[in-house]
């Protein structure tokens, strides 16, 4: 419920915003839906000594991984130096011992067999040469390591049931992926796919669509969204176990390096 609570230590937000985070956690519906899905997809009964959040952004998922896997070293890579600076400040203020952040671009990273688990959430749609990025992630995994990948689907249900192109976001180089296309690229990069499918069931999609209508994915109408978020989050929570079989706004792939 309180995903992103460490943001109360974020030096870039106001005292009022920190109070809101203290009460409700990170107020981004889509982010919370993705995080819940990703955390549920990580294979259990495994030891993950080193974990990478490839494209850590605000660090919300990175910190959640550090809490969930207390005996693991969790690293967040992101190309935005401002986001990394904020995350590093949170590490110090919150007293985390098992998490660190690096200002690193996935496209140019040269890590070789360093990580047991890599999480990559809604990053590939920002990268023109996504196959090359997948190969970088493959190289960074240890033998038998796991990649949990999430990307936006090419289509979603919007506003309620109509099949529409996924949301346009200015920093994306593509709207999203057909599931077979991204699976083909994952295999070309060298991975063996364990499971794949869609995220964002009906209730999650409804909550996310309303959120998008308010904010336009550009943090607009903050006051209205502040009132709407607790309700939208509850709506999304009601539908969190209903993963769609044919059409969802996100695509997930869990794969391994053999």
Protein backbone atom coordinates (compact mmCIF):
# COMPACT_ATOMS: atom_id res chain seq x y z
CA UNK A 1 0.00 0.00 0.00
CA UNK A 2 2.84 2.39 0.81
CA UNK A 3 5.10 1.65 -2.16
CA UNK A 4 7.58 4.50 -2.56
CA UNK A 5 7.43 5.60 1.09
CA UNK A 6 11.16 6.41 1.00
CA UNK A 7 10.29 9.45 -1.16
CA UNK A 8 9.61 11.34 2.07
CA UNK A 9 13.41 11.78 2.04
CA UNK A 10 13.38 13.21 -1.51
CA UNK A 11 15.08 16.62 -1.25
CA UNK A 12 13.41 17.90 -4.44
CA UNK A 13 9.77 17.77 -3.28
CA UNK A 14 7.88 20.10 -0.94
CA UNK A 15 6.92 19.42 2.65
CA UNK A 16 3.26 19.09 1.59
CA UNK A 17 4.22 16.52 -1.05
CA UNK A 18 6.25 14.60 1.52
CA UNK A 19 3.22 14.52 3.82
CA UNK A 20 1.10 13.15 0.97
CA UNK A 21 3.68 10.42 0.28
CA UNK A 22 3.77 9.61 4.00
CA UNK A 23 -0.01 9.10 3.94
CA UNK A 24 -0.44 7.31 0.60
CA UNK A 25 2.95 6.24 -0.75
CA UNK A 26 4.12 7.09 -4.27
CA UNK A 27 1.06 8.61 -6.01
CA UNK A 28 1.55 7.25 -9.54
CA UNK A 29 -1.08 4.67 -10.47
CA UNK A 30 0.70 3.19 -13.49
CA UNK A 31 4.00 2.87 -11.64
CA UNK A 32 2.35 1.05 -8.76
CA UNK A 33 0.54 -1.34 -11.11
CA UNK A 34 3.81 -2.17 -12.87
CA UNK A 35 5.71 -2.61 -9.61
CA UNK A 36 3.09 -4.98 -8.16
CA UNK A 37 3.18 -7.07 -11.33
CA UNK A 38 6.97 -7.18 -11.53
CA UNK A 39 7.43 -8.13 -7.88
CA UNK A 40 4.95 -10.99 -8.28
CA UNK A 41 6.80 -12.28 -11.36
CA UNK A 42 10.25 -12.65 -9.77
CA UNK A 43 10.92 -16.39 -9.44
CA UNK A 44 10.89 -17.51 -5.84
CA UNK A 45 13.08 -20.10 -4.08
CA UNK A 46 16.22 -18.56 -5.58
CA UNK A 47 19.09 -16.63 -4.05
CA UNK A 48 19.78 -13.31 -5.72
CA UNK A 49 23.13 -12.01 -4.54
CA UNK A 50 23.28 -9.09 -6.98
CA UNK A 51 20.20 -7.43 -8.46
CA UNK A 52 20.06 -4.73 -11.13
CA UNK A 53 17.18 -2.34 -11.73
CA UNK A 54 18.02 -1.31 -15.30
CA UNK A 55 16.47 2.12 -15.74
CA UNK A 56 15.72 2.94 -12.12
CA UNK A 57 14.17 6.38 -12.65
CA UNK A 58 12.89 7.70 -9.32
CA UNK A 59 14.22 4.58 -7.59
CA UNK A 60 10.84 3.44 -6.25
CA UNK A 61 11.21 -0.14 -7.51
CA UNK A 62 14.91 -0.21 -6.62
CA UNK A 63 14.18 0.61 -2.99
CA UNK A 64 11.33 -1.89 -2.90
CA UNK A 65 13.70 -4.59 -4.17
CA UNK A 66 16.21 -3.62 -1.45
CA UNK A 67 13.48 -4.07 1.18
CA UNK A 68 12.24 -7.34 -0.28
CA UNK A 69 15.72 -8.83 -0.72
CA UNK A 70 17.52 -7.61 2.37
CA UNK A 71 20.48 -9.95 1.88
CA UNK A 72 21.05 -8.88 -1.73
CA UNK A 73 23.02 -5.99 -3.18
CA UNK A 74 20.63 -3.94 -5.32
CA UNK A 75 21.94 -1.52 -7.95
CA UNK A 76 19.96 1.04 -9.92
CA UNK A 77 21.23 2.24 -13.31
CA UNK A 78 19.77 5.35 -14.91
CA UNK A 79 21.01 7.85 -17.50
CA UNK A 80 19.39 10.86 -15.77
CA UNK A 81 22.00 12.36 -13.41
CA UNK A 82 19.35 14.36 -11.55
CA UNK A 83 17.32 11.23 -10.74
CA UNK A 84 20.48 9.44 -9.63
CA UNK A 85 21.46 12.37 -7.39
CA UNK A 86 18.06 12.36 -5.71
CA UNK A 87 18.15 8.58 -5.22
CA UNK A 88 21.62 8.77 -3.70
CA UNK A 89 20.41 11.44 -1.28
CA UNK A 90 17.51 9.17 -0.26
CA UNK A 91 19.94 6.29 0.35
CA UNK A 92 21.86 8.43 2.83
CA UNK A 93 18.84 9.92 4.58
CA UNK A 94 16.90 6.65 4.79
CA UNK A 95 19.96 4.66 5.90
CA UNK A 96 19.87 1.92 3.25
CA UNK A 97 22.86 -0.42 3.38
CA UNK A 98 22.20 -2.71 0.41
CA UNK A 99 21.37 -0.33 -2.44
CA UNK A 100 23.43 1.95 -4.67
CA UNK A 101 22.82 3.97 -7.82
CA UNK A 102 24.96 4.63 -10.89
CA UNK A 103 24.56 7.17 -13.67
CA UNK A 104 24.85 4.56 -16.43
CA UNK A 105 23.23 4.18 -19.84
CA UNK A 106 21.97 0.66 -20.64
CA UNK A 107 23.01 1.12 -24.27
CA UNK A 108 26.66 1.60 -23.33
CA UNK A 109 26.98 -0.50 -20.16
CA UNK A 110 29.79 -3.05 -20.28
CA UNK A 111 29.06 -5.20 -17.21
CA UNK A 112 29.82 -8.89 -17.79
CA UNK A 113 28.09 -11.64 -15.77
CA UNK A 114 27.57 -9.45 -12.71
CA UNK A 115 23.91 -9.95 -11.77
CA UNK A 116 21.71 -12.88 -10.73
CA UNK A 117 18.52 -10.92 -11.41
CA UNK A 118 17.85 -7.97 -13.72
CA UNK A 119 14.62 -5.99 -13.68
CA UNK A 120 13.88 -3.77 -16.68
CA UNK A 121 10.55 -1.96 -16.55
CA UNK A 122 9.24 0.26 -19.36
CA UNK A 123 12.68 1.22 -20.65
CA UNK A 124 13.07 -0.40 -24.08
CA UNK A 125 10.41 1.83 -25.64
CA UNK A 126 12.78 4.75 -25.04
CA UNK A 127 15.66 3.08 -26.91
CA UNK A 128 15.96 3.05 -30.71
CA UNK A 129 18.23 -0.02 -30.84
CA UNK A 130 16.33 -2.10 -28.33
CA UNK A 131 17.88 -5.37 -29.50
CA UNK A 132 21.35 -4.06 -28.71
CA UNK A 133 20.10 -3.01 -25.25
CA UNK A 134 18.74 -6.51 -24.65
CA UNK A 135 22.11 -7.98 -25.60
CA UNK A 136 23.77 -5.68 -23.05
CA UNK A 137 21.41 -7.00 -20.38
CA UNK A 138 22.15 -10.57 -21.48
CA UNK A 139 25.89 -9.97 -21.10
CA UNK A 140 25.38 -8.45 -17.65
CA UNK A 141 23.56 -11.54 -16.35
CA UNK A 142 25.34 -14.45 -14.74
CA UNK A 143 24.79 -17.93 -16.12
CA UNK A 144 21.28 -19.10 -15.17
CA UNK A 145 20.42 -15.52 -14.23
CA UNK A 146 16.89 -14.14 -14.60
CA UNK A 147 15.59 -11.14 -16.53
CA UNK A 148 12.13 -9.82 -15.69
CA UNK A 149 11.16 -7.50 -18.52
CA UNK A 150 8.13 -5.23 -18.87
CA UNK A 151 7.23 -3.00 -21.82
CA UNK A 152 4.08 -1.15 -22.88
CA UNK A 153 1.90 -3.11 -25.27
CA UNK A 154 1.22 -1.58 -28.67
CA UNK A 155 -2.51 -1.54 -27.92
CA UNK A 156 -4.62 -0.99 -24.83
CA UNK A 157 -8.31 -0.66 -23.96
CA UNK A 158 -9.23 3.04 -23.98
CA UNK A 159 -11.24 4.75 -22.59
CA UNK A 160 -12.98 1.57 -21.35
CA UNK A 161 -13.19 -1.24 -23.90
CA UNK A 162 -12.21 0.10 -27.33
CA UNK A 163 -8.89 -1.24 -28.67
CA UNK A 164 -6.63 1.78 -29.20
CA UNK A 165 -2.96 2.56 -29.69
CA UNK A 166 -1.20 2.88 -26.35
CA UNK A 167 -0.57 6.33 -24.89
CA UNK A 168 1.84 8.63 -26.68
CA UNK A 169 4.70 9.77 -24.45
CA UNK A 170 7.16 12.34 -25.88
CA UNK A 171 10.28 10.42 -24.78
CA UNK A 172 9.16 7.14 -26.38
CA UNK A 173 10.55 6.09 -29.75
CA UNK A 174 7.64 3.64 -30.20
CA UNK A 175 4.14 3.34 -28.75
CA UNK A 176 4.76 -0.17 -27.53
CA UNK A 177 5.22 -3.78 -28.62
CA UNK A 178 3.20 -6.64 -29.99
CA UNK A 179 3.90 -9.56 -27.67
CA UNK A 180 5.33 -11.81 -30.40
CA UNK A 181 7.66 -9.05 -31.62
CA UNK A 182 9.25 -8.43 -28.23
CA UNK A 183 9.50 -12.17 -27.57
CA UNK A 184 11.38 -12.57 -30.86
CA UNK A 185 13.85 -9.84 -29.87
CA UNK A 186 14.40 -11.38 -26.44
CA UNK A 187 15.22 -14.72 -28.08
CA UNK A 188 17.54 -13.03 -30.61
CA UNK A 189 19.41 -11.47 -27.70
CA UNK A 190 20.14 -14.98 -26.41
CA UNK A 191 17.52 -15.48 -23.67
CA UNK A 192 15.32 -18.50 -23.06
CA UNK A 193 11.75 -17.44 -22.27
CA UNK A 194 10.09 -19.03 -19.23
CA UNK A 195 6.75 -17.19 -19.20
CA UNK A 196 5.19 -14.21 -20.95
CA UNK A 197 1.86 -12.43 -21.05
CA UNK A 198 -0.03 -9.20 -20.54
CA UNK A 199 -0.44 -6.90 -17.55
CA UNK A 200 -3.16 -4.35 -16.74
CA UNK A 201 -6.44 -6.16 -16.28
CA UNK A 202 -9.77 -4.34 -16.66
CA UNK A 203 -9.81 -2.55 -13.29
CA UNK A 204 -6.11 -1.66 -13.46
CA UNK A 205 -6.56 -0.31 -16.98
CA UNK A 206 -9.61 1.71 -15.95
CA UNK A 207 -7.72 3.31 -13.06
CA UNK A 208 -4.68 3.98 -15.24
CA UNK A 209 -6.79 5.47 -18.06
CA UNK A 210 -8.52 7.88 -15.68
CA UNK A 211 -5.13 8.81 -14.27
CA UNK A 212 -3.89 9.56 -17.79
CA UNK A 213 -6.98 11.65 -18.55
CA UNK A 214 -6.15 13.84 -15.56
CA UNK A 215 -2.36 14.13 -15.84
CA UNK A 216 -1.73 13.47 -19.58
CA UNK A 217 1.38 11.61 -18.32
CA UNK A 218 2.95 15.05 -17.81
CA UNK A 219 2.07 15.71 -14.15
CA UNK A 220 -0.71 18.14 -15.04
CA UNK A 221 -3.69 19.00 -12.78
CA UNK A 222 -1.80 18.02 -9.63
CA UNK A 223 -4.49 19.11 -7.18
CA UNK A 224 -7.25 17.17 -8.94
CA UNK A 225 -4.99 14.14 -9.19
CA UNK A 226 -4.11 14.35 -5.48
CA UNK A 227 -7.80 13.92 -4.65
CA UNK A 228 -8.33 11.22 -7.29
CA UNK A 229 -5.27 9.07 -6.57
CA UNK A 230 -6.44 7.26 -3.39
CA UNK A 231 -9.64 6.18 -5.18
CA UNK A 232 -7.81 5.17 -8.37
CA UNK A 233 -5.29 3.18 -6.36
CA UNK A 234 -8.07 1.24 -4.61
CA UNK A 235 -9.70 0.53 -7.98
CA UNK A 236 -6.41 -0.82 -9.32
CA UNK A 237 -5.87 -2.92 -6.19
CA UNK A 238 -9.28 -4.55 -6.62
CA UNK A 239 -8.20 -5.82 -10.04
CA UNK A 240 -4.59 -6.68 -9.29
CA UNK A 241 -4.99 -10.45 -9.63
CA UNK A 242 -6.85 -10.34 -12.97
CA UNK A 243 -4.05 -10.52 -15.56
CA UNK A 244 -5.57 -10.35 -19.09
CA UNK A 245 -5.06 -13.19 -21.56
CA UNK A 246 -5.47 -11.35 -24.86
CA UNK A 247 -5.13 -7.58 -24.49
CA UNK A 248 -3.42 -5.60 -21.75
CA UNK A 249 -1.61 -2.28 -21.70
CA UNK A 250 1.67 -3.96 -20.72
CA UNK A 251 3.64 -7.01 -21.78
CA UNK A 252 5.85 -9.03 -19.42
CA UNK A 253 8.52 -11.61 -20.15
CA UNK A 254 10.43 -13.67 -17.58
CA UNK A 255 13.47 -15.25 -19.19
CA UNK A 256 16.80 -16.76 -18.26
CA UNK A 257 20.37 -16.99 -19.52
CA UNK A 258 21.36 -20.53 -20.31
